[in-house]
Protein backbone atom coordinates (compact mmCIF):
# COMPACT_ATOMS: atom_id res chain seq x y z
CA MET A 1 -199.70 75.00 15.88
CA LEU A 2 -196.69 72.85 14.98
CA LYS A 3 -193.84 75.20 14.18
CA SER A 4 -191.27 74.13 11.61
CA TYR A 5 -188.38 74.22 14.06
CA GLU A 6 -190.22 72.00 16.55
CA HIS A 7 -190.28 69.18 14.05
CA CYS A 8 -187.46 67.22 12.56
CA CYS A 9 -188.61 63.74 11.63
CA SER A 10 -187.87 61.30 14.45
CA SER A 11 -186.98 58.70 11.80
CA MET A 12 -184.25 61.06 10.62
CA GLN A 13 -182.92 61.46 14.14
CA ALA A 14 -183.03 57.70 14.66
CA LEU A 15 -180.87 57.18 11.56
CA ALA A 16 -178.44 59.90 12.66
CA THR A 17 -178.11 58.12 15.99
CA LEU A 18 -177.84 54.52 14.78
CA GLY A 19 -175.59 55.49 11.88
CA LYS A 20 -172.86 56.53 14.33
CA VAL A 21 -172.37 53.08 15.85
CA GLU A 22 -170.26 50.45 14.13
CA GLY A 23 -171.78 46.97 14.11
CA ILE A 24 -175.35 48.24 13.71
CA LEU A 25 -177.00 48.42 10.31
CA PRO A 26 -179.98 50.81 10.26
CA LEU A 27 -182.51 49.82 7.60
CA LEU A 28 -184.99 52.49 6.55
CA HIS A 29 -188.36 50.97 5.64
CA GLY A 30 -190.28 53.60 3.70
CA PRO A 31 -190.98 55.12 0.27
CA GLN A 32 -188.23 56.57 -1.90
CA PRO A 33 -188.88 60.29 -1.15
CA CYS A 34 -188.84 59.58 2.58
CA ALA A 35 -185.64 57.56 2.40
CA TYR A 36 -183.94 60.19 0.24
CA GLN A 37 -184.74 63.07 2.60
CA ILE A 38 -183.69 61.11 5.66
CA GLN A 39 -180.42 59.98 4.11
CA ILE A 40 -179.55 63.48 2.90
CA GLY A 41 -180.59 65.06 6.20
CA THR A 42 -178.27 62.80 8.22
CA MET A 43 -175.19 62.71 6.02
CA THR A 44 -173.30 65.23 8.13
CA CYS A 45 -174.22 63.43 11.37
CA ARG A 46 -172.69 59.99 10.70
CA PRO A 47 -169.40 58.62 9.34
CA SER A 48 -169.51 57.86 5.63
CA ARG A 49 -167.73 54.54 6.19
CA LEU A 50 -170.70 53.17 8.17
CA LEU A 51 -173.43 51.59 6.09
CA THR A 52 -177.15 52.34 6.05
CA ALA A 53 -179.77 50.63 3.88
CA GLY A 54 -183.40 50.95 2.80
CA THR A 55 -186.30 49.18 1.13
CA LEU A 56 -187.90 51.90 -1.07
CA ILE A 57 -191.58 50.90 -0.86
CA LYS A 58 -193.24 50.95 -4.29
CA LYS A 59 -196.80 51.98 -5.21
CA ALA A 60 -198.01 48.39 -5.49
CA GLU A 61 -196.64 47.63 -2.03
CA VAL A 62 -198.70 50.47 -0.57
CA VAL A 63 -201.74 48.41 -1.59
CA PHE A 64 -200.47 44.86 -1.07
CA GLY A 65 -197.82 45.41 1.60
CA GLY A 66 -194.05 45.51 1.47
CA GLU A 67 -193.22 42.78 3.98
CA GLU A 68 -191.61 40.51 1.38
CA SER A 69 -189.31 43.28 0.13
CA LEU A 70 -188.34 44.08 3.70
CA LYS A 71 -187.54 40.45 4.47
CA ASN A 72 -185.43 40.10 1.33
CA GLN A 73 -183.49 43.26 2.12
CA ILE A 74 -182.75 42.11 5.67
CA VAL A 75 -181.44 38.78 4.39
CA ASN A 76 -179.40 40.40 1.62
CA MET A 77 -177.85 42.97 3.96
CA TYR A 78 -176.91 40.32 6.50
CA ARG A 79 -175.34 38.03 3.91
CA ALA A 80 -173.39 40.89 2.34
CA TYR A 81 -172.16 42.73 5.46
CA LYS A 82 -172.71 40.49 8.52
CA PRO A 83 -173.79 43.28 10.92
CA ARG A 84 -174.14 42.44 14.61
CA ILE A 85 -177.62 43.98 14.74
CA ILE A 86 -180.07 45.23 12.12
CA ILE A 87 -182.48 47.93 13.29
CA ILE A 88 -185.51 48.56 11.06
CA ILE A 89 -186.58 52.21 11.12
CA ASN A 90 -190.28 51.82 10.35
CA THR A 91 -191.47 55.09 8.81
CA CYS A 92 -195.00 56.51 8.61
CA LEU A 93 -196.27 54.80 5.45
CA PRO A 94 -195.78 51.14 6.46
CA GLN A 95 -197.35 51.97 9.82
CA LEU A 96 -200.36 53.52 8.10
CA ILE A 97 -200.99 50.41 5.98
CA GLY A 98 -200.46 48.12 8.97
CA GLU A 99 -197.46 46.08 7.89
CA ASP A 100 -196.51 43.16 10.18
CA ILE A 101 -192.91 44.06 11.02
CA LYS A 102 -192.77 41.66 13.98
CA GLY A 103 -193.88 38.83 11.71
CA VAL A 104 -191.10 39.63 9.25
CA ILE A 105 -188.53 39.62 12.06
CA ASN A 106 -189.78 36.26 13.35
CA GLU A 107 -189.46 34.72 9.89
CA VAL A 108 -185.95 36.06 9.38
CA GLU A 109 -184.73 34.93 12.80
CA GLN A 110 -186.03 31.42 12.13
CA GLU A 111 -184.04 31.32 8.89
CA ILE A 112 -180.92 32.99 10.36
CA PRO A 113 -180.85 32.18 14.12
CA GLU A 114 -177.61 34.12 14.74
CA LEU A 115 -179.07 37.38 13.37
CA ARG A 116 -180.49 39.91 15.80
CA VAL A 117 -183.16 42.27 14.44
CA ALA A 118 -185.24 44.96 16.15
CA PHE A 119 -187.42 47.80 14.90
CA ILE A 120 -188.57 51.32 15.72
CA ASP A 121 -191.99 52.75 14.95
CA SER A 122 -190.84 56.34 14.48
CA GLY A 123 -192.22 59.03 12.16
CA PHE A 124 -195.53 60.43 13.31
CA ASN A 125 -195.32 58.61 16.66
CA PHE A 126 -193.10 61.47 17.85
CA PRO A 127 -194.25 64.53 15.87
CA LYS A 128 -193.22 67.30 18.25
CA CYS A 129 -189.95 66.14 19.77
CA MET A 130 -186.99 65.26 17.60
CA PRO A 131 -184.88 63.80 20.46
CA LEU A 132 -187.42 61.01 20.95
CA GLY A 133 -186.01 59.50 17.76
CA ASN A 134 -182.77 59.06 19.71
CA ASP A 135 -184.50 57.50 22.71
CA ALA A 136 -186.55 55.11 20.55
CA ALA A 137 -183.38 54.05 18.71
CA TRP A 138 -181.61 53.15 21.95
CA VAL A 139 -184.65 51.22 23.20
CA ALA A 140 -184.59 49.11 20.03
CA ILE A 141 -180.93 48.24 20.63
CA VAL A 142 -181.46 47.36 24.28
CA THR A 143 -184.23 44.90 23.38
CA VAL A 144 -181.75 42.62 21.61
CA PHE A 145 -178.92 42.82 24.15
CA GLU A 146 -178.38 39.78 26.37
CA ASN A 147 -178.16 39.88 30.15
CA ARG A 148 -174.73 39.72 31.77
CA GLU A 149 -173.33 39.14 35.20
CA LYS A 150 -172.95 42.41 37.09
CA ILE A 151 -169.41 43.67 37.66
CA PRO A 152 -169.01 45.04 41.21
CA GLY A 153 -168.18 48.72 41.34
CA SER A 154 -169.08 49.29 37.70
CA ILE A 155 -171.31 52.04 36.35
CA GLY A 156 -173.10 52.66 33.08
CA ILE A 157 -173.43 56.17 31.65
CA VAL A 158 -176.28 56.64 29.19
CA GLY A 159 -176.20 59.56 26.77
CA ARG A 160 -178.50 61.29 24.36
CA SER A 161 -177.69 60.41 20.77
CA GLY A 162 -175.22 58.75 18.43
CA GLN A 163 -173.21 61.98 18.53
CA ASP A 164 -172.33 61.08 22.13
CA ALA A 165 -170.42 57.99 20.99
CA GLY A 166 -166.87 58.64 22.11
CA ALA A 167 -167.81 62.06 23.54
CA PHE A 168 -167.84 61.22 27.26
CA THR A 169 -164.07 61.46 27.65
CA SER A 170 -164.31 64.89 29.28
CA PHE A 171 -165.73 63.37 32.46
CA GLU A 172 -165.29 59.62 31.88
CA VAL A 173 -161.53 59.96 32.40
CA LEU A 174 -162.17 61.40 35.88
CA LEU A 175 -164.44 58.47 36.77
CA LYS A 176 -161.77 56.00 35.65
CA ARG A 177 -159.08 57.95 37.52
CA ALA A 178 -161.07 57.22 40.67
CA GLY A 179 -160.94 53.49 39.92
CA LEU A 180 -164.47 53.03 38.59
CA THR A 181 -165.23 50.65 35.73
CA VAL A 182 -167.26 52.65 33.21
CA PHE A 183 -169.52 51.32 30.46
CA PRO A 184 -170.52 54.13 28.07
CA PHE A 185 -173.77 53.98 26.12
CA PRO A 186 -173.47 54.91 23.29
CA ALA A 187 -170.00 53.89 22.22
CA PRO A 188 -168.33 53.85 18.81
CA HIS A 189 -168.96 50.06 18.47
CA VAL A 190 -171.99 48.06 19.50
CA SER A 191 -169.79 45.47 21.27
CA GLU A 192 -168.90 48.20 23.78
CA MET A 193 -172.52 49.28 24.16
CA GLU A 194 -173.57 45.71 25.06
CA LYS A 195 -171.56 45.97 28.27
CA ILE A 196 -174.24 48.26 29.73
CA ALA A 197 -175.96 45.02 30.80
CA ALA A 198 -173.08 44.38 33.25
CA ALA A 199 -173.29 47.78 34.98
CA GLU A 200 -174.07 47.68 38.68
CA VAL A 201 -175.67 51.15 38.60
CA VAL A 202 -176.76 53.22 35.59
CA PHE A 203 -176.40 57.02 35.51
CA PRO A 204 -178.14 58.95 32.69
CA VAL A 205 -176.07 61.96 31.62
CA HIS A 206 -178.88 63.66 29.70
CA VAL A 207 -182.64 64.08 29.86
CA VAL A 208 -183.24 62.32 26.51
CA PRO A 209 -182.74 58.59 27.29
CA TYR A 210 -185.69 58.21 29.67
CA MET A 211 -187.34 55.25 27.88
CA THR A 212 -183.92 53.70 27.32
CA CYS A 213 -183.09 53.78 31.02
CA GLN A 214 -186.46 52.30 31.89
CA ASN A 215 -185.76 49.44 29.50
CA ILE A 216 -182.23 48.90 30.83
CA HIS A 217 -183.65 48.67 34.34
CA SER A 218 -186.48 46.29 33.41
CA ARG A 219 -184.25 44.01 31.28
CA PHE A 220 -181.05 43.92 33.31
CA GLY A 221 -182.14 44.94 36.81
CA ALA A 222 -179.64 47.75 37.33
CA PRO A 223 -180.95 50.71 39.35
CA VAL A 224 -181.11 54.00 37.43
CA GLU A 225 -179.92 57.11 39.29
CA TYR A 226 -180.59 60.46 37.63
CA ILE A 227 -178.38 63.15 39.20
CA GLU A 228 -178.13 65.90 36.59
CA ILE A 229 -176.51 66.62 33.23
CA PRO A 230 -172.71 66.92 33.68
CA ALA A 231 -172.60 70.24 31.85
CA GLY A 232 -171.18 73.49 33.19
CA ILE A 233 -168.88 73.74 36.19
CA GLN A 234 -171.44 73.13 38.92
CA GLY A 235 -173.33 70.56 36.88
CA THR A 236 -170.21 68.49 36.18
CA SER A 237 -169.01 68.64 39.76
CA ASN A 238 -172.42 67.78 41.19
CA PHE A 239 -172.78 64.83 38.82
CA LEU A 240 -169.35 63.44 39.71
CA ARG A 241 -169.91 63.95 43.43
CA GLY A 242 -173.32 62.29 43.15
CA VAL A 243 -171.68 59.26 41.56
CA ALA A 244 -169.01 59.32 44.28
CA ASP A 245 -171.67 59.30 47.01
CA ARG A 246 -173.71 56.52 45.36
CA MET A 247 -170.65 54.33 44.78
CA ARG A 248 -169.01 55.28 48.11
CA ASN A 249 -165.87 56.40 46.33
CA GLN A 250 -163.93 59.05 48.23
CA THR A 251 -161.21 59.07 45.58
CA LEU A 252 -163.66 60.59 43.09
CA HIS A 253 -164.42 63.42 45.55
CA ASP A 254 -160.66 64.02 45.79
CA VAL A 255 -160.34 64.07 42.00
CA VAL A 256 -163.10 66.68 41.76
CA ASP A 257 -161.43 68.80 44.47
CA ILE A 258 -158.22 68.86 42.44
CA GLN A 259 -160.05 69.79 39.24
CA GLU A 260 -162.00 72.60 40.90
CA GLN A 261 -158.85 74.09 42.44
CA ALA A 262 -156.99 73.99 39.12
CA MET A 263 -159.88 75.67 37.27
CA ARG A 264 -160.56 78.43 39.78
CA PRO A 265 -158.52 81.22 38.10
CA ARG A 266 -160.17 80.59 34.72
CA ILE A 267 -163.63 80.45 36.26
CA GLU A 268 -163.11 83.72 38.11
CA ALA A 269 -161.86 85.43 34.92
CA ILE A 270 -164.90 84.24 32.95
CA LYS A 271 -167.34 85.36 35.65
CA LYS A 272 -165.63 88.76 35.74
CA LYS A 273 -166.11 89.11 31.97
CA PHE A 274 -169.80 88.22 32.24
CA ALA A 275 -170.21 90.69 35.12
CA GLU A 276 -168.57 93.49 33.12
CA GLU A 277 -170.56 92.69 29.99
CA PRO A 278 -173.90 91.22 31.15
CA LEU A 279 -175.73 88.98 28.72
CA LYS A 280 -179.28 87.77 28.33
CA VAL A 281 -179.46 84.56 26.27
CA MET A 282 -182.51 82.72 24.95
CA ILE A 283 -182.08 79.00 24.19
CA ALA A 284 -184.92 77.45 22.21
CA PHE A 285 -185.68 73.84 21.34
CA GLY A 286 -183.13 71.80 19.44
CA PRO A 287 -182.19 68.18 20.13
CA ALA A 288 -182.42 68.91 23.88
CA SER A 289 -179.18 70.92 23.71
CA GLU A 290 -180.92 73.69 25.63
CA PHE A 291 -180.70 71.77 28.91
CA GLY A 292 -176.90 71.70 28.91
CA LEU A 293 -176.16 75.05 27.30
CA SER A 294 -178.40 76.88 29.75
CA LYS A 295 -176.39 75.52 32.68
CA ILE A 296 -173.05 76.49 31.18
CA LEU A 297 -173.97 80.11 30.51
CA ALA A 298 -175.98 80.58 33.72
CA ASP A 299 -173.01 79.22 35.68
CA PHE A 300 -170.94 82.19 34.54
CA GLY A 301 -173.62 84.78 35.26
CA ALA A 302 -175.70 85.09 32.09
CA GLU A 303 -179.45 85.60 32.38
CA VAL A 304 -180.97 82.63 30.58
CA ILE A 305 -184.41 82.04 29.06
CA MET A 306 -184.95 78.40 28.08
CA ILE A 307 -187.68 76.87 25.88
CA PRO A 308 -187.42 73.12 26.58
CA SER A 309 -188.05 70.41 24.01
CA MET A 310 -188.78 67.54 26.39
CA LYS A 311 -191.22 66.81 29.22
CA ASN A 312 -190.22 63.39 30.58
CA ALA A 313 -189.36 62.81 34.25
CA PHE A 314 -185.64 63.53 33.74
CA ALA A 315 -186.47 66.79 31.96
CA GLN A 316 -188.82 67.87 34.75
CA ARG A 317 -186.13 67.30 37.37
CA GLU A 318 -183.55 69.18 35.33
CA LYS A 319 -185.87 72.15 34.78
CA GLU A 320 -186.68 72.45 38.48
CA LEU A 321 -182.99 72.16 39.38
CA GLN A 322 -182.03 74.94 36.96
CA LYS A 323 -184.80 77.25 38.09
CA LYS A 324 -183.82 76.81 41.73
CA ARG A 325 -180.03 77.01 41.26
CA TYR A 326 -179.73 79.68 38.57
CA GLY A 327 -183.10 81.41 38.41
CA ILE A 328 -183.46 80.36 34.77
CA THR A 329 -186.71 81.43 33.10
CA VAL A 330 -188.41 78.37 31.60
CA ILE A 331 -191.06 79.03 28.92
CA GLU A 332 -193.53 76.19 28.49
CA GLU A 333 -196.52 78.13 27.19
CA ASP A 334 -197.17 77.98 23.45
CA PHE A 335 -196.17 80.92 21.28
CA ASP A 336 -196.47 81.90 17.63
CA THR A 337 -192.91 82.67 16.54
CA LEU A 338 -189.41 83.04 17.96
CA GLU A 339 -189.59 86.62 16.77
CA ASP A 340 -192.47 87.19 19.20
CA LEU A 341 -190.38 85.79 22.05
CA TYR A 342 -187.48 87.98 21.01
CA ASP A 343 -189.73 91.05 21.20
CA GLN A 344 -190.93 89.98 24.63
CA TYR A 345 -187.57 89.16 26.25
CA ARG A 346 -185.06 91.12 24.07
CA PRO A 347 -182.12 88.72 24.50
CA ASP A 348 -178.60 89.61 23.42
CA ALA A 349 -178.16 86.21 21.73
CA VAL A 350 -180.35 83.28 20.70
CA PHE A 351 -179.71 79.56 20.32
CA CYS A 352 -182.27 77.82 18.11
CA GLU A 353 -182.78 75.34 15.27
CA THR A 354 -181.67 76.26 11.75
CA GLN A 355 -185.29 76.63 10.64
CA GLY A 356 -185.97 79.14 13.40
CA ARG A 357 -183.04 81.38 12.54
CA VAL A 358 -184.85 82.84 9.52
CA GLU A 359 -187.27 84.60 11.87
CA LEU A 360 -184.41 86.38 13.61
CA THR A 361 -182.16 87.21 10.66
CA PRO A 362 -183.69 90.69 10.08
CA ARG A 363 -182.83 91.56 13.70
CA PHE A 364 -179.08 91.22 13.10
CA ILE A 365 -178.59 89.65 16.51
CA PRO A 366 -176.15 86.84 17.32
CA THR A 367 -177.94 83.56 16.55
CA PHE A 368 -176.38 80.16 17.15
CA CYS A 369 -177.53 76.79 15.80
CA ASN A 370 -178.26 74.24 18.54
CA MET A 371 -177.18 71.37 16.29
CA THR A 372 -173.54 72.46 16.61
CA PHE A 373 -173.58 72.06 20.42
CA LEU A 374 -174.46 68.37 20.78
CA THR A 375 -171.76 67.16 23.19
CA ALA A 376 -171.62 69.96 25.74
CA TYR A 377 -170.30 67.84 28.62
CA GLY A 378 -167.64 68.39 31.23
CA TYR A 379 -165.42 71.16 32.51
CA ASP A 380 -163.35 71.86 29.38
CA PHE A 381 -166.33 72.48 27.09
CA ALA A 382 -167.82 74.88 29.63
CA LEU A 383 -164.57 76.79 30.11
CA ASP A 384 -163.94 77.08 26.37
CA LEU A 385 -167.49 78.30 25.69
CA GLY A 386 -167.34 80.79 28.55
CA GLU A 387 -163.98 82.24 27.50
CA LYS A 388 -164.94 82.63 23.84
CA PHE A 389 -168.65 83.39 23.98
CA HIS A 390 -168.52 87.19 23.95
CA ASP A 391 -166.14 87.19 20.98
CA SER A 392 -168.16 84.58 19.09
CA MET A 393 -171.22 86.83 19.15
CA LYS A 394 -169.53 89.17 16.62
CA ARG A 395 -171.70 92.08 17.72
CA GLU A 396 -169.53 94.67 15.99
CA VAL A 397 -169.98 92.94 12.62
CA LEU A 398 -173.73 92.56 13.08
CA SER A 399 -174.05 96.18 14.19
CA PHE A 400 -172.17 97.34 11.08
CA TRP A 401 -174.49 95.41 8.76
CA LYS A 402 -177.58 96.53 10.63
CA ASN A 403 -176.55 100.17 10.19
CA ALA A 404 -175.70 99.59 6.53
CA VAL A 405 -179.08 98.00 5.80
CA GLY A 406 -180.83 100.71 7.76
CA ARG A 407 -179.06 103.41 5.75
CA TYR A 408 -179.20 101.93 2.26
CA GLY A 409 -181.93 99.30 2.37
CA GLY A 410 -184.92 101.60 1.99
CA ASN A 411 -188.07 99.65 2.87
CA CYS A 412 -185.90 96.59 3.49
CA GLY A 413 -184.26 98.20 6.50
CA ALA A 414 -183.22 95.99 9.41
CA ALA A 415 -185.82 95.43 12.10
CA SER A 416 -185.10 96.98 15.43
């Protein structure tokens, strides 16, 4: 059974990702209802100043094909806005009727040699894993990047989604402090992202960009080294020390030593709070946020139950690492509802998708939306979350309302 909170259209996630990067013009190729829902669903995930476009396939084009409309829109968008790259997000309908997207791209590139165009077959190609829309979007970008001469001592860091553009500062600054040249992918502008081709070694910082890293390796020859997600105290330190070992950079080890010493009082205070008020937290699905959040909370002593959204090789390594280091419970068996899992594990708090929260509302338990925890990297994020987590649960408020509903709600009383 495909549960509602397992599925957010991968085309929607691709637009949310591409729409964050200046210099890229995402072009939705699909019918009007599809384009409308995807545009509305991503409005809060991308800057309004960055342009997106669409083709709005008509009924006649379902029968006869919409290639000509697509070609005209590509040409019009290029002439009007001169984007560096146009990425066609090919939705379900044109795939079903077998449109020749590659043929359209070939025609356009012959007419406008300086234009670079790529496409993604998203939609039903990734029905159960929203983050694959991110990965597919990055792959499309990489296919049009040109090779560059490698810069000695440089590294590339490859993130999850467009929301990561500009969000690596929490640990990137430490890498640069150690003298490393760092090429972030994504970055706020595509001209910065292109530099990934010059990286001597590539380090993924999340489990999502597995296909992207494979493509970077095959196109540009840089080795890909997965260490772990730099989330939580241990996770961030281990990632930075892994980079230090790979790049033979003792200065980075020294930088980490200084950071760990400075943080120690705050870490000890947070762990004491978690020891005095033990917590069991269940983290379910989302755009792979569960992999980072679980490390942060387990680091401080919470008991964590994680329901992962991804199964690629990076995700498998991360799951095994977290089980071994923290004793995290990983649930990979199918289940009917989140409510069933709540009854089985009785967590004190739950992280899940917005659609899944409706199953837990009658319980009056603290429920957090995964979509608001997309850039959980580095020491500072972990410390802030650890220091504020107990207060953010608002258990006194929820307990008050649960008692009120139980007393005055009659048959609508709060579930236990």
